[in-house]
Structure formats: C-alpha cells, structure tokens
C-alpha cells in the first residue's frame, strides 16, 4: 500500500529537492511544495492567505505571545497576510515536507456564493471580527484529499487535469469547518474582518505609499478607533507596525531575489531615509539589508 511518506519522498525526488531547503511551484496553480532537511531557528516570515499542509517534520509559530505547533495533525490556515515568527524542525532522517496552497479569492467567492445559495444557514459566524490565523485538525477526510493531491503531483499531466478539482475540494471541506468560517468572512466585506482584509489588500497593492490611519479607516468605512481595534484583533499588530513590516519584507525580496540596490529597494517601499530603513531592517531580520541573502529559510518568492 502506498503511504504518504513514500509519496512525499517520490515528490521530493521528482522536483530534485534532495538535501535542499526550497519552496517550488508545482503544476497546480497556487500550490507550492516545500522541502528542507535543516533546522531553522525562530525567524520572521510572511505568507499570503492560504493553507499550510505539513506531511513530515513540524513548525512552531509565534504570534503576539501565542505559540502553536503545526505538524501532520494540524494544518495552518491564514486568511490575511500575517507576520509570523517560525521555528522549523527538520533533519536528513525526518525532513520538513509539505504544501502551501494560496487562496484564489475569485474562486473562493464563487464557492461561498454557491454554498449560501444552496444552504443559506451554512455559515454561523460567532464574531464580527476574528484573528487571521487558525489551526485545523486533520480529519480522515482531509488526509484522503492530501493523499490524492500527492498522487496527482506524481504526474505533470494528472496534476494539470485533476489538481484544481482536488484543491477546490480541500477549500470546500475547510470552508464548512468551524475554523473555516474565517474564509466566509474573508470574502464578505460587510463584516469587520472582511473590511480589514479589503484594506490590507489595498496596502499590499502599493507598499510605496505611506498611508495614515485616517486614510485606512476611511477606506474600511470604520472610525479610526474601531479600525485600529479591529485591525489589531485580525493581525495581532497595530496598523502602522504591520505596514512597516510588510514594507521590509517586500524590500528584502527585492534585494535578495531580484538583485535590487538597497537604497532603491528602500525607496520602492516608501522609505525616504536610507539609515532608518537599514536600522529597521536589521531590527526585524537580525542582519543588515546588504546581507539579505543570509536570511536562510524557504519562503514564497
């Protein structure tokens, strides 16, 4: 009988990731495969909205004093881009292998609309606002979907023909879970969570602009004080602290992966002072911007 471990091993061989620490795109749109054999200490990372599936190894995330382990029994659900501190546990004997599945918001929106049309009472949101991170216990049903995903990726043709349907089923099953209610609020801008998510999307589209709290609150249709409270509940960060970190992450990508000059990257994300940029970059990443390539962990490019 084919096991999950065997399928992960075969997939690592297929993508030639043996001994590497890397996250690569697959033949299925929005699905990335992660493999590493290295332990990584607690390091700042950011991911877009999506689901993190860990097949072997484990990660520990830290957010605002909360510590959570993610492994084969727990999926990580992110509904807005969040700055997390992650510690990765992996070795040659037990590598970290898994998937990051980025949400396609138009597809999610259509799926929510279909569910509401067929079963109007499917969603029972307990709160008008919630955090942007959830843990999902892996059920037998979700494990079977993970197995089918792995099987489809053994063949590029299978992945392209069958992959989207498998991912749609995973999102649908997650959507109907109590923890998946956040996916409903993500595409429903009438909720505070939806308003915060929409405002975050606005800022992500133009990180060079230095928004004020009043501008962001106006965009969300909330008072400045209500916006600040809701934003901190969703992201566990104040709006300005969150935006600063997102700017620094974007600059790191420009420097480390696109070869951009440090000063140009700083200007590209809205910093007028190069010295301030360098200080804040080093405070977050523990190295100066010129050593961005030394920040050694697998991430979405």
C-alpha atoms as a PDB file:
ATOM      1  CA  UNK A   1       0.000   0.000   0.000  1.00  0.00           C
ATOM      2  CA  UNK A   2       1.365   3.426  -0.974  1.00  0.00           C
ATOM      3  CA  UNK A   3       1.918   5.640   2.074  1.00  0.00           C
ATOM      4  CA  UNK A   4       2.015   9.416   2.462  1.00  0.00           C
ATOM      5  CA  UNK A   5       5.702   9.199   3.391  1.00  0.00           C
ATOM      6  CA  UNK A   6       6.501   7.303   0.184  1.00  0.00           C
ATOM      7  CA  UNK A   7       4.572   9.813  -1.937  1.00  0.00           C
ATOM      8  CA  UNK A   8       6.382  12.737  -0.317  1.00  0.00           C
ATOM      9  CA  UNK A   9       9.730  11.029  -0.934  1.00  0.00           C
ATOM     10  CA  UNK A  10       8.838  10.466  -4.588  1.00  0.00           C
ATOM     11  CA  UNK A  11       7.721  14.086  -4.988  1.00  0.00           C
ATOM     12  CA  UNK A  12      10.975  15.358  -3.476  1.00  0.00           C
ATOM     13  CA  UNK A  13      12.893  13.206  -5.978  1.00  0.00           C
ATOM     14  CA  UNK A  14      10.712  14.414  -8.845  1.00  0.00           C
ATOM     15  CA  UNK A  15      11.430  18.076  -8.055  1.00  0.00           C
ATOM     16  CA  UNK A  16      15.113  17.276  -7.324  1.00  0.00           C
ATOM     17  CA  UNK A  17      14.984  18.794  -3.850  1.00  0.00           C
ATOM     18  CA  UNK A  18      17.096  16.193  -2.025  1.00  0.00           C
ATOM     19  CA  UNK A  19      19.285  17.932   0.537  1.00  0.00           C
ATOM     20  CA  UNK A  20      17.881  21.352  -0.396  1.00  0.00           C
ATOM     21  CA  UNK A  21      15.909  23.971   1.514  1.00  0.00           C
ATOM     22  CA  UNK A  22      13.475  25.305  -1.007  1.00  0.00           C
ATOM     23  CA  UNK A  23       9.853  26.043  -1.864  1.00  0.00           C
ATOM     24  CA  UNK A  24       8.960  25.462  -5.520  1.00  0.00           C
ATOM     25  CA  UNK A  25       5.851  25.960  -7.618  1.00  0.00           C
ATOM     26  CA  UNK A  26       4.001  22.885  -8.838  1.00  0.00           C
ATOM     27  CA  UNK A  27       1.926  22.210 -11.958  1.00  0.00           C
ATOM     28  CA  UNK A  28      -1.177  23.192  -9.956  1.00  0.00           C
ATOM     29  CA  UNK A  29      -1.723  26.956  -9.905  1.00  0.00           C
ATOM     30  CA  UNK A  30      -1.267  28.443  -6.427  1.00  0.00           C
ATOM     31  CA  UNK A  31       0.231  25.253  -4.955  1.00  0.00           C
ATOM     32  CA  UNK A  32       3.864  25.304  -3.789  1.00  0.00           C
ATOM     33  CA  UNK A  33       5.876  22.361  -2.458  1.00  0.00           C
ATOM     34  CA  UNK A  34       8.263  22.809   0.464  1.00  0.00           C
ATOM     35  CA  UNK A  35      11.237  20.644   1.368  1.00  0.00           C
ATOM     36  CA  UNK A  36      14.048  21.170   3.850  1.00  0.00           C
ATOM     37  CA  UNK A  37      16.359  18.956   5.886  1.00  0.00           C
ATOM     38  CA  UNK A  38      17.641  21.858   8.010  1.00  0.00           C
ATOM     39  CA  UNK A  39      16.573  23.063  11.410  1.00  0.00           C
ATOM     40  CA  UNK A  40      15.776  26.803  11.209  1.00  0.00           C
ATOM     41  CA  UNK A  41      15.699  28.911  14.383  1.00  0.00           C
ATOM     42  CA  UNK A  42      12.889  31.310  15.172  1.00  0.00           C
ATOM     43  CA  UNK A  43      12.770  33.648  12.169  1.00  0.00           C
ATOM     44  CA  UNK A  44      10.310  36.253  10.869  1.00  0.00           C
ATOM     45  CA  UNK A  45       8.310  35.041   7.851  1.00  0.00           C
ATOM     46  CA  UNK A  46       5.229  36.197   5.974  1.00  0.00           C
ATOM     47  CA  UNK A  47       2.812  34.222   3.816  1.00  0.00           C
ATOM     48  CA  UNK A  48      -0.223  35.299   1.798  1.00  0.00           C
ATOM     49  CA  UNK A  49      -3.676  33.915   2.665  1.00  0.00           C
ATOM     50  CA  UNK A  50      -3.662  30.159   2.273  1.00  0.00           C
ATOM     51  CA  UNK A  51      -3.344  26.737   3.880  1.00  0.00           C
ATOM     52  CA  UNK A  52      -0.075  25.223   5.059  1.00  0.00           C
ATOM     53  CA  UNK A  53      -0.077  21.401   4.968  1.00  0.00           C
ATOM     54  CA  UNK A  54       2.819  19.619   6.672  1.00  0.00           C
ATOM     55  CA  UNK A  55       3.369  15.998   5.661  1.00  0.00           C
ATOM     56  CA  UNK A  56       6.583  15.306   7.601  1.00  0.00           C
ATOM     57  CA  UNK A  57       8.518  17.341  10.172  1.00  0.00           C
ATOM     58  CA  UNK A  58       6.961  20.243  12.047  1.00  0.00           C
ATOM     59  CA  UNK A  59       6.946  24.005  12.585  1.00  0.00           C
ATOM     60  CA  UNK A  60       6.289  26.163  15.633  1.00  0.00           C
ATOM     61  CA  UNK A  61       4.800  29.620  15.058  1.00  0.00           C
ATOM     62  CA  UNK A  62       4.920  32.557  17.451  1.00  0.00           C
ATOM     63  CA  UNK A  63       2.467  35.437  17.185  1.00  0.00           C
ATOM     64  CA  UNK A  64       1.823  38.034  19.877  1.00  0.00           C
ATOM     65  CA  UNK A  65       2.926  35.672  22.646  1.00  0.00           C
ATOM     66  CA  UNK A  66       0.931  32.725  21.271  1.00  0.00           C
ATOM     67  CA  UNK A  67       2.876  29.572  20.434  1.00  0.00           C
ATOM     68  CA  UNK A  68       1.423  26.873  18.170  1.00  0.00           C
ATOM     69  CA  UNK A  69       2.900  23.695  16.705  1.00  0.00           C
ATOM     70  CA  UNK A  70       1.933  22.609  13.182  1.00  0.00           C
ATOM     71  CA  UNK A  71       2.649  19.079  12.047  1.00  0.00           C
ATOM     72  CA  UNK A  72       0.939  16.133  10.373  1.00  0.00           C
ATOM     73  CA  UNK A  73      -2.078  16.532  12.678  1.00  0.00           C
ATOM     74  CA  UNK A  74      -2.615  20.310  12.301  1.00  0.00           C
ATOM     75  CA  UNK A  75      -2.977  22.457   9.181  1.00  0.00           C
ATOM     76  CA  UNK A  76      -2.245  26.184   9.383  1.00  0.00           C
ATOM     77  CA  UNK A  77      -4.975  28.413   7.925  1.00  0.00           C
ATOM     78  CA  UNK A  78      -4.081  32.038   7.127  1.00  0.00           C
ATOM     79  CA  UNK A  79      -6.839  34.356   5.947  1.00  0.00           C
ATOM     80  CA  UNK A  80      -4.789  37.572   5.684  1.00  0.00           C
ATOM     81  CA  UNK A  81      -1.037  38.072   5.162  1.00  0.00           C
ATOM     82  CA  UNK A  82       0.498  37.760   8.638  1.00  0.00           C
ATOM     83  CA  UNK A  83       3.980  38.329  10.017  1.00  0.00           C
ATOM     84  CA  UNK A  84       4.843  35.208  11.992  1.00  0.00           C
ATOM     85  CA  UNK A  85       7.986  34.025  13.725  1.00  0.00           C
ATOM     86  CA  UNK A  86       8.541  30.414  12.697  1.00  0.00           C
ATOM     87  CA  UNK A  87      10.883  27.732  14.004  1.00  0.00           C
ATOM     88  CA  UNK A  88      11.369  24.775  11.648  1.00  0.00           C
ATOM     89  CA  UNK A  89      12.229  21.277  12.849  1.00  0.00           C
ATOM     90  CA  UNK A  90      13.736  19.055  10.161  1.00  0.00           C
ATOM     91  CA  UNK A  91      16.653  16.702   9.602  1.00  0.00           C
ATOM     92  CA  UNK A  92      18.016  14.306   6.970  1.00  0.00           C
ATOM     93  CA  UNK A  93      16.113  11.492   8.698  1.00  0.00           C
ATOM     94  CA  UNK A  94      12.897  13.499   9.011  1.00  0.00           C
ATOM     95  CA  UNK A  95      12.747  16.369   6.508  1.00  0.00           C
ATOM     96  CA  UNK A  96      10.051  19.011   6.578  1.00  0.00           C
ATOM     97  CA  UNK A  97       7.871  18.352   3.528  1.00  0.00           C
ATOM     98  CA  UNK A  98       4.529  19.855   2.714  1.00  0.00           C
ATOM     99  CA  UNK A  99       2.465  22.309   0.704  1.00  0.00           C
ATOM    100  CA  UNK A 100       1.428  25.909   0.780  1.00  0.00           C
ATOM    101  CA  UNK A 101      -1.867  26.461  -1.050  1.00  0.00           C
ATOM    102  CA  UNK A 102      -2.570  30.097  -1.801  1.00  0.00           C
ATOM    103  CA  UNK A 103      -6.218  31.105  -1.945  1.00  0.00           C
ATOM    104  CA  UNK A 104      -7.709  32.163  -5.249  1.00  0.00           C
ATOM    105  CA  UNK A 105     -10.167  34.772  -3.966  1.00  0.00           C
ATOM    106  CA  UNK A 106     -12.492  34.838  -7.033  1.00  0.00           C
ATOM    107  CA  UNK A 107     -12.863  31.031  -6.781  1.00  0.00           C
ATOM    108  CA  UNK A 108     -13.442  31.266  -3.023  1.00  0.00           C
ATOM    109  CA  UNK A 109     -16.035  33.990  -3.562  1.00  0.00           C
ATOM    110  CA  UNK A 110     -17.928  31.853  -6.084  1.00  0.00           C
ATOM    111  CA  UNK A 111     -17.747  28.857  -3.756  1.00  0.00           C
ATOM    112  CA  UNK A 112     -19.167  30.843  -0.838  1.00  0.00           C
ATOM    113  CA  UNK A 113     -21.942  32.139  -3.099  1.00  0.00           C
ATOM    114  CA  UNK A 114     -22.845  28.588  -4.187  1.00  0.00           C
ATOM    115  CA  UNK A 115     -22.944  27.354  -0.590  1.00  0.00           C
ATOM    116  CA  UNK A 116     -25.108  30.290   0.508  1.00  0.00           C
ATOM    117  CA  UNK A 117     -27.489  29.792  -2.416  1.00  0.00           C
ATOM    118  CA  UNK A 118     -27.930  26.082  -1.708  1.00  0.00           C
ATOM    119  CA  UNK A 119     -27.698  26.165   2.087  1.00  0.00           C
ATOM    120  CA  UNK A 120     -28.227  29.730   3.436  1.00  0.00           C
ATOM    121  CA  UNK A 121     -27.571  28.735   7.060  1.00  0.00           C
ATOM    122  CA  UNK A 122     -24.212  27.044   6.441  1.00  0.00           C
ATOM    123  CA  UNK A 123     -22.226  29.878   7.996  1.00  0.00           C
ATOM    124  CA  UNK A 124     -22.697  30.852  11.601  1.00  0.00           C
ATOM    125  CA  UNK A 125     -20.026  33.444  12.287  1.00  0.00           C
ATOM    126  CA  UNK A 126     -19.633  33.781  16.053  1.00  0.00           C
ATOM    127  CA  UNK A 127     -17.961  37.168  15.957  1.00  0.00           C
ATOM    128  CA  UNK A 128     -17.937  40.148  13.652  1.00  0.00           C
ATOM    129  CA  UNK A 129     -14.129  40.030  13.828  1.00  0.00           C
ATOM    130  CA  UNK A 130     -11.602  37.247  14.324  1.00  0.00           C
ATOM    131  CA  UNK A 131      -7.905  36.597  14.017  1.00  0.00           C
ATOM    132  CA  UNK A 132      -6.255  35.926  10.670  1.00  0.00           C
ATOM    133  CA  UNK A 133      -4.749  32.591  11.784  1.00  0.00           C
ATOM    134  CA  UNK A 134      -6.463  29.312  12.659  1.00  0.00           C
ATOM    135  CA  UNK A 135      -5.441  25.708  13.362  1.00  0.00           C
ATOM    136  CA  UNK A 136      -7.298  22.924  11.569  1.00  0.00           C
ATOM    137  CA  UNK A 137      -7.238  19.405  12.972  1.00  0.00           C
ATOM    138  CA  UNK A 138      -6.535  16.925  10.191  1.00  0.00           C
ATOM    139  CA  UNK A 139      -9.504  14.601   9.758  1.00  0.00           C
ATOM    140  CA  UNK A 140      -9.572  11.341   7.800  1.00  0.00           C
ATOM    141  CA  UNK A 141     -11.363  13.220   5.017  1.00  0.00           C
ATOM    142  CA  UNK A 142      -8.666  15.904   4.803  1.00  0.00           C
ATOM    143  CA  UNK A 143      -5.975  13.230   4.915  1.00  0.00           C
ATOM    144  CA  UNK A 144      -7.567  11.476   1.946  1.00  0.00           C
ATOM    145  CA  UNK A 145      -7.569  14.752  -0.020  1.00  0.00           C
ATOM    146  CA  UNK A 146      -3.888  15.241   0.826  1.00  0.00           C
ATOM    147  CA  UNK A 147      -3.196  11.716  -0.477  1.00  0.00           C
ATOM    148  CA  UNK A 148      -4.979  12.472  -3.764  1.00  0.00           C
ATOM    149  CA  UNK A 149      -3.042  15.732  -4.091  1.00  0.00           C
ATOM    150  CA  UNK A 150       0.246  13.875  -3.667  1.00  0.00           C
ATOM    151  CA  UNK A 151      -0.798  11.169  -6.119  1.00  0.00           C
ATOM    152  CA  UNK A 152      -1.796  13.718  -8.767  1.00  0.00           C
ATOM    153  CA  UNK A 153       1.553  15.510  -8.484  1.00  0.00           C
ATOM    154  CA  UNK A 154       3.474  12.347  -9.311  1.00  0.00           C
ATOM    155  CA  UNK A 155       2.451  13.026 -12.933  1.00  0.00           C
ATOM    156  CA  UNK A 156       2.530  16.502 -14.553  1.00  0.00           C
ATOM    157  CA  UNK A 157      -0.470  15.554 -16.704  1.00  0.00           C
ATOM    158  CA  UNK A 158      -2.513  14.295 -13.746  1.00  0.00           C
ATOM    159  CA  UNK A 159      -1.634  17.435 -11.803  1.00  0.00           C
ATOM    160  CA  UNK A 160      -2.817  19.737 -14.586  1.00  0.00           C
ATOM    161  CA  UNK A 161      -6.028  17.806 -15.273  1.00  0.00           C
ATOM    162  CA  UNK A 162      -7.032  16.769 -11.737  1.00  0.00           C
ATOM    163  CA  UNK A 163      -5.209  19.235  -9.489  1.00  0.00           C
ATOM    164  CA  UNK A 164      -7.652  22.152  -9.451  1.00  0.00           C
ATOM    165  CA  UNK A 165     -10.562  19.879  -8.555  1.00  0.00           C
ATOM    166  CA  UNK A 166      -8.608  18.424  -5.637  1.00  0.00           C
ATOM    167  CA  UNK A 167      -7.709  21.889  -4.346  1.00  0.00           C
ATOM    168  CA  UNK A 168     -11.307  23.080  -4.739  1.00  0.00           C
ATOM    169  CA  UNK A 169     -12.465  20.111  -2.647  1.00  0.00           C
ATOM    170  CA  UNK A 170      -9.884  20.905   0.040  1.00  0.00           C
ATOM    171  CA  UNK A 171     -11.023  24.531   0.229  1.00  0.00           C
ATOM    172  CA  UNK A 172     -14.699  23.499   0.240  1.00  0.00           C
ATOM    173  CA  UNK A 173     -14.189  20.998   3.088  1.00  0.00           C
ATOM    174  CA  UNK A 174     -12.195  23.592   5.032  1.00  0.00           C
ATOM    175  CA  UNK A 175     -14.861  26.244   4.418  1.00  0.00           C
ATOM    176  CA  UNK A 176     -17.502  24.096   6.121  1.00  0.00           C
ATOM    177  CA  UNK A 177     -15.419  23.526   9.256  1.00  0.00           C
ATOM    178  CA  UNK A 178     -15.958  25.787  12.320  1.00  0.00           C
ATOM    179  CA  UNK A 179     -12.398  27.114  11.825  1.00  0.00           C
ATOM    180  CA  UNK A 180     -13.176  27.735   8.163  1.00  0.00           C
ATOM    181  CA  UNK A 181     -15.782  30.377   8.958  1.00  0.00           C
ATOM    182  CA  UNK A 182     -12.960  32.910   8.564  1.00  0.00           C
ATOM    183  CA  UNK A 183     -12.936  32.093   4.838  1.00  0.00           C
ATOM    184  CA  UNK A 184     -16.562  33.184   4.645  1.00  0.00           C
ATOM    185  CA  UNK A 185     -15.838  36.487   6.385  1.00  0.00           C
ATOM    186  CA  UNK A 186     -12.774  36.988   4.169  1.00  0.00           C
ATOM    187  CA  UNK A 187     -14.943  37.479   1.089  1.00  0.00           C
ATOM    188  CA  UNK A 188     -17.839  39.172   2.896  1.00  0.00           C
ATOM    189  CA  UNK A 189     -16.819  42.820   3.170  1.00  0.00           C
ATOM    190  CA  UNK A 190     -19.904  43.581   5.300  1.00  0.00           C
ATOM    191  CA  UNK A 191     -18.090  42.045   8.302  1.00  0.00           C
ATOM    192  CA  UNK A 192     -15.313  43.865  10.161  1.00  0.00           C
ATOM    193  CA  UNK A 193     -12.945  41.058   9.226  1.00  0.00           C
ATOM    194  CA  UNK A 194     -13.845  41.495   5.566  1.00  0.00           C
ATOM    195  CA  UNK A 195     -13.297  45.259   5.820  1.00  0.00           C
ATOM    196  CA  UNK A 196      -9.843  44.748   7.347  1.00  0.00           C
ATOM    197  CA  UNK A 197      -8.946  42.151   4.705  1.00  0.00           C
ATOM    198  CA  UNK A 198     -10.024  44.556   1.937  1.00  0.00           C
ATOM    199  CA  UNK A 199      -7.931  47.355   3.447  1.00  0.00           C
ATOM    200  CA  UNK A 200      -4.893  45.059   3.718  1.00  0.00           C
ATOM    201  CA  UNK A 201      -5.284  44.181   0.026  1.00  0.00           C
ATOM    202  CA  UNK A 202      -5.262  47.907  -0.761  1.00  0.00           C
ATOM    203  CA  UNK A 203      -1.970  48.450   1.070  1.00  0.00           C
ATOM    204  CA  UNK A 204      -0.354  45.342  -0.420  1.00  0.00           C
ATOM    205  CA  UNK A 205      -1.020  46.729  -3.874  1.00  0.00           C
ATOM    206  CA  UNK A 206       1.004  49.897  -3.178  1.00  0.00           C
ATOM    207  CA  UNK A 207       3.611  49.450  -0.440  1.00  0.00           C
ATOM    208  CA  UNK A 208       5.407  52.607  -1.596  1.00  0.00           C
ATOM    209  CA  UNK A 209       2.564  54.736  -0.253  1.00  0.00           C
ATOM    210  CA  UNK A 210       2.674  55.765   3.400  1.00  0.00           C
ATOM    211  CA  UNK A 211      -0.977  55.596   4.439  1.00  0.00           C
ATOM    212  CA  UNK A 212      -2.303  57.334   7.526  1.00  0.00           C
ATOM    213  CA  UNK A 213      -4.661  55.645   9.961  1.00  0.00           C
ATOM    214  CA  UNK A 214      -7.428  58.043   8.914  1.00  0.00           C
ATOM    215  CA  UNK A 215      -6.995  57.110   5.234  1.00  0.00           C
ATOM    216  CA  UNK A 216      -7.147  53.403   6.006  1.00  0.00           C
ATOM    217  CA  UNK A 217     -10.116  53.833   8.338  1.00  0.00           C
ATOM    218  CA  UNK A 218     -11.977  55.817   5.664  1.00  0.00           C
ATOM    219  CA  UNK A 219     -11.332  53.061   3.128  1.00  0.00           C
ATOM    220  CA  UNK A 220     -12.693  50.458   5.530  1.00  0.00           C
ATOM    221  CA  UNK A 221     -15.762  52.547   6.339  1.00  0.00           C
ATOM    222  CA  UNK A 222     -14.939  52.487  10.065  1.00  0.00           C
ATOM    223  CA  UNK A 223     -13.991  55.122  12.607  1.00  0.00           C
ATOM    224  CA  UNK A 224     -10.259  55.403  13.299  1.00  0.00           C
ATOM    225  CA  UNK A 225     -10.602  53.882  16.789  1.00  0.00           C
ATOM    226  CA  UNK A 226     -12.827  50.995  15.607  1.00  0.00           C
ATOM    227  CA  UNK A 227     -10.479  50.346  12.681  1.00  0.00           C
ATOM    228  CA  UNK A 228      -7.433  50.240  14.964  1.00  0.00           C
ATOM    229  CA  UNK A 229      -9.106  47.753  17.337  1.00  0.00           C
ATOM    230  CA  UNK A 230     -10.363  45.505  14.537  1.00  0.00           C
ATOM    231  CA  UNK A 231      -7.029  45.578  12.700  1.00  0.00           C
ATOM    232  CA  UNK A 232      -5.100  44.549  15.808  1.00  0.00           C
ATOM    233  CA  UNK A 233      -7.546  41.729  16.510  1.00  0.00           C
ATOM    234  CA  UNK A 234      -7.105  40.331  12.993  1.00  0.00           C
ATOM    235  CA  UNK A 235      -3.322  40.742  12.620  1.00  0.00           C
ATOM    236  CA  UNK A 236      -2.133  40.996  16.265  1.00  0.00           C
ATOM    237  CA  UNK A 237      -0.261  44.162  15.150  1.00  0.00           C
ATOM    238  CA  UNK A 238      -1.098  47.846  15.078  1.00  0.00           C
ATOM    239  CA  UNK A 239      -1.810  49.040  11.508  1.00  0.00           C
ATOM    240  CA  UNK A 240       1.372  51.108  11.202  1.00  0.00           C
ATOM    241  CA  UNK A 241       3.606  48.394  12.708  1.00  0.00           C
ATOM    242  CA  UNK A 242       2.076  45.818  10.378  1.00  0.00           C
ATOM    243  CA  UNK A 243       2.588  48.001   7.304  1.00  0.00           C
ATOM    244  CA  UNK A 244       6.187  48.747   8.280  1.00  0.00           C
ATOM    245  CA  UNK A 245       6.994  45.049   8.500  1.00  0.00           C
ATOM    246  CA  UNK A 246       5.289  44.343   5.180  1.00  0.00           C
ATOM    247  CA  UNK A 247       7.398  47.062   3.558  1.00  0.00           C
ATOM    248  CA  UNK A 248      10.557  45.498   4.991  1.00  0.00           C
ATOM    249  CA  UNK A 249       9.598  42.025   3.746  1.00  0.00           C
ATOM    250  CA  UNK A 250       8.942  43.390   0.279  1.00  0.00           C
ATOM    251  CA  UNK A 251      12.284  45.197   0.292  1.00  0.00           C
ATOM    252  CA  UNK A 252      14.069  42.007   1.362  1.00  0.00           C
ATOM    253  CA  UNK A 253      12.556  40.183  -1.605  1.00  0.00           C
ATOM    254  CA  UNK A 254      13.629  42.957  -3.974  1.00  0.00           C
ATOM    255  CA  UNK A 255      17.203  42.875  -2.632  1.00  0.00           C
ATOM    256  CA  UNK A 256      17.728  39.139  -2.124  1.00  0.00           C
ATOM    257  CA  UNK A 257      15.747  37.676  -5.042  1.00  0.00           C
ATOM    258  CA  UNK A 258      15.675  40.459  -7.627  1.00  0.00           C
ATOM    259  CA  UNK A 259      19.149  41.921  -7.033  1.00  0.00           C
ATOM    260  CA  UNK A 260      17.908  45.440  -6.400  1.00  0.00           C
ATOM    261  CA  UNK A 261      20.200  48.057  -4.853  1.00  0.00           C
ATOM    262  CA  UNK A 262      19.482  48.574  -1.130  1.00  0.00           C
ATOM    263  CA  UNK A 263      18.724  52.303  -1.432  1.00  0.00           C
ATOM    264  CA  UNK A 264      16.489  51.765  -4.465  1.00  0.00           C
ATOM    265  CA  UNK A 265      14.597  48.999  -2.656  1.00  0.00           C
ATOM    266  CA  UNK A 266      14.116  51.276   0.358  1.00  0.00           C
ATOM    267  CA  UNK A 267      12.640  53.997  -1.844  1.00  0.00           C
ATOM    268  CA  UNK A 268      10.482  51.443  -3.670  1.00  0.00           C
ATOM    269  CA  UNK A 269       8.679  50.614  -0.404  1.00  0.00           C
ATOM    270  CA  UNK A 270       8.267  54.209   0.747  1.00  0.00           C
ATOM    271  CA  UNK A 271      11.344  54.893   2.901  1.00  0.00           C
ATOM    272  CA  UNK A 272      12.788  58.369   2.490  1.00  0.00           C
ATOM    273  CA  UNK A 273      15.665  57.760   4.923  1.00  0.00           C
ATOM    274  CA  UNK A 274      18.163  55.018   3.979  1.00  0.00           C
ATOM    275  CA  UNK A 275      19.594  54.950   7.522  1.00  0.00           C
ATOM    276  CA  UNK A 276      16.139  54.480   9.068  1.00  0.00           C
ATOM    277  CA  UNK A 277      15.444  51.694   6.587  1.00  0.00           C
ATOM    278  CA  UNK A 278      18.703  49.919   7.487  1.00  0.00           C
ATOM    279  CA  UNK A 279      18.033  50.207  11.239  1.00  0.00           C
ATOM    280  CA  UNK A 280      14.502  48.825  10.993  1.00  0.00           C
ATOM    281  CA  UNK A 281      15.546  46.090   8.553  1.00  0.00           C
ATOM    282  CA  UNK A 282      18.297  44.883  10.908  1.00  0.00           C
ATOM    283  CA  UNK A 283      15.928  45.024  13.896  1.00  0.00           C
ATOM    284  CA  UNK A 284      13.485  42.688  12.127  1.00  0.00           C
ATOM    285  CA  UNK A 285      15.832  40.322  10.275  1.00  0.00           C
ATOM    286  CA  UNK A 286      18.939  40.485  12.545  1.00  0.00           C
ATOM    287  CA  UNK A 287      21.185  41.265   9.553  1.00  0.00           C
ATOM    288  CA  UNK A 288      21.724  44.473   7.520  1.00  0.00           C
ATOM    289  CA  UNK A 289      19.962  44.794   4.144  1.00  0.00           C
ATOM    290  CA  UNK A 290      23.211  44.097   2.285  1.00  0.00           C
ATOM    291  CA  UNK A 291      23.206  40.595   3.805  1.00  0.00           C
ATOM    292  CA  UNK A 292      19.631  39.724   2.828  1.00  0.00           C
ATOM    293  CA  UNK A 293      20.851  36.540   1.138  1.00  0.00           C
ATOM    294  CA  UNK A 294      21.962  35.242   4.549  1.00  0.00           C
ATOM    295  CA  UNK A 295      18.354  35.038   5.743  1.00  0.00           C
ATOM    296  CA  UNK A 296      18.251  31.312   5.073  1.00  0.00           C
ATOM    297  CA  UNK A 297      14.787  29.833   5.129  1.00  0.00           C
ATOM    298  CA  UNK A 298      12.416  28.568   2.482  1.00  0.00           C
ATOM    299  CA  UNK A 299       9.688  31.030   1.588  1.00  0.00           C
ATOM    300  CA  UNK A 300       7.348  32.023  -1.156  1.00  0.00           C
ATOM    301  CA  UNK A 301       9.201  34.142  -3.698  1.00  0.00           C
END
